[in-house]
Amino acid sequence: MQDRSPLVTKITPSATERGAGEFTTTTLERASQSMRTAGTLILEDIVEPALIREARETFVQRYDSYLDGREHDDALQVGNRRLMITLDLEPPFERRELIANPWLCPILSATFQGEFVLAAYGVVCSMPGAARQPIHQDGGDIFPQAALNRLLPTFAVTVGIPLLEMNEIHGTTALWPGSHRGETHASTDDGIEPLVREGSCVIWDYRLRHGGTANRSAVPRPLLYMTYCRPWFLDHKNYRRQAPLRAPKRTLANLPEDLCRLLIRAQEY
């Protein structure tokens, strides 16, 4: 596949950064600048491929009842043959590498310039034959005055970790860089369609115009998604049928302090 993502910044931890276990200040500034101006960013090679394979296999086995192409009372239809399914924070989905990735979190801190929480966690699964998704933004505007919303700092982001490579066969998420800062009449002709490898992730501002592309393959394409936001933000649009974030009591009982803060909104069961 030709990678049609020249306007999307891609950041891969360098050998020096991997040795130090953290990004340099220069890299974090580059990431923060990309989120401010383009509203999107791709982080490459931040999750072990073995964990991605385990998560994909577990999803297909544990959530197979959702993969029949029909509507479900506890999942949101987000397009033709495309469902948004809340995941329970059970193995392997409770792993820090997924919910609080050590390469991702510093970039989120730089983007929000302060505290953030995990507000939603699940999979958007595009079934074989799924048509292209309408172009949209996640959630709704905070203020009815549209122009004012475009001036605000980032208040929420979506992070997508593909459990199957995002490409022109499986489908990807088309992005319109910069659309979070201005009104746009986006068309399918001018979006960016990035290739995102397994083990990488794509981040976009909640206001950014985007849309899933068609799944031309014979297998489901699960995209693990996380919504991170400022502690005061609440998505009032997408979670009327399902809990946004669920975790068993045993998982929440012994969390380290940083994950307690991150998962403060988790619904116990």
Foldseek 3Di string as FASTA:
>chain_A
DDFQPPLAAEDEQDPVCVVVVADDPVVLVVLLVQCLAFQKHKYAQQADLVQLLVVVVCCCVVVVVLQPQDDDLAWDDQARSKIWHADECDPPNVDCCNLPRSHVNSSVCSQVVDDKAWQFKTKIKHAAFTAKTDKDFAFDAPDPPQQVQLPDRFFKKKKKAWSAWDDPQQKAKWWRTRCSNDPDPDDPVPTGRGTGHHNMMMMGGRSTIIIIHHHNDNGMIIIIMIMMGHPPDDRPPGRPRHRRAEYEPVSQVDDPPVNCSRCVPHDYD
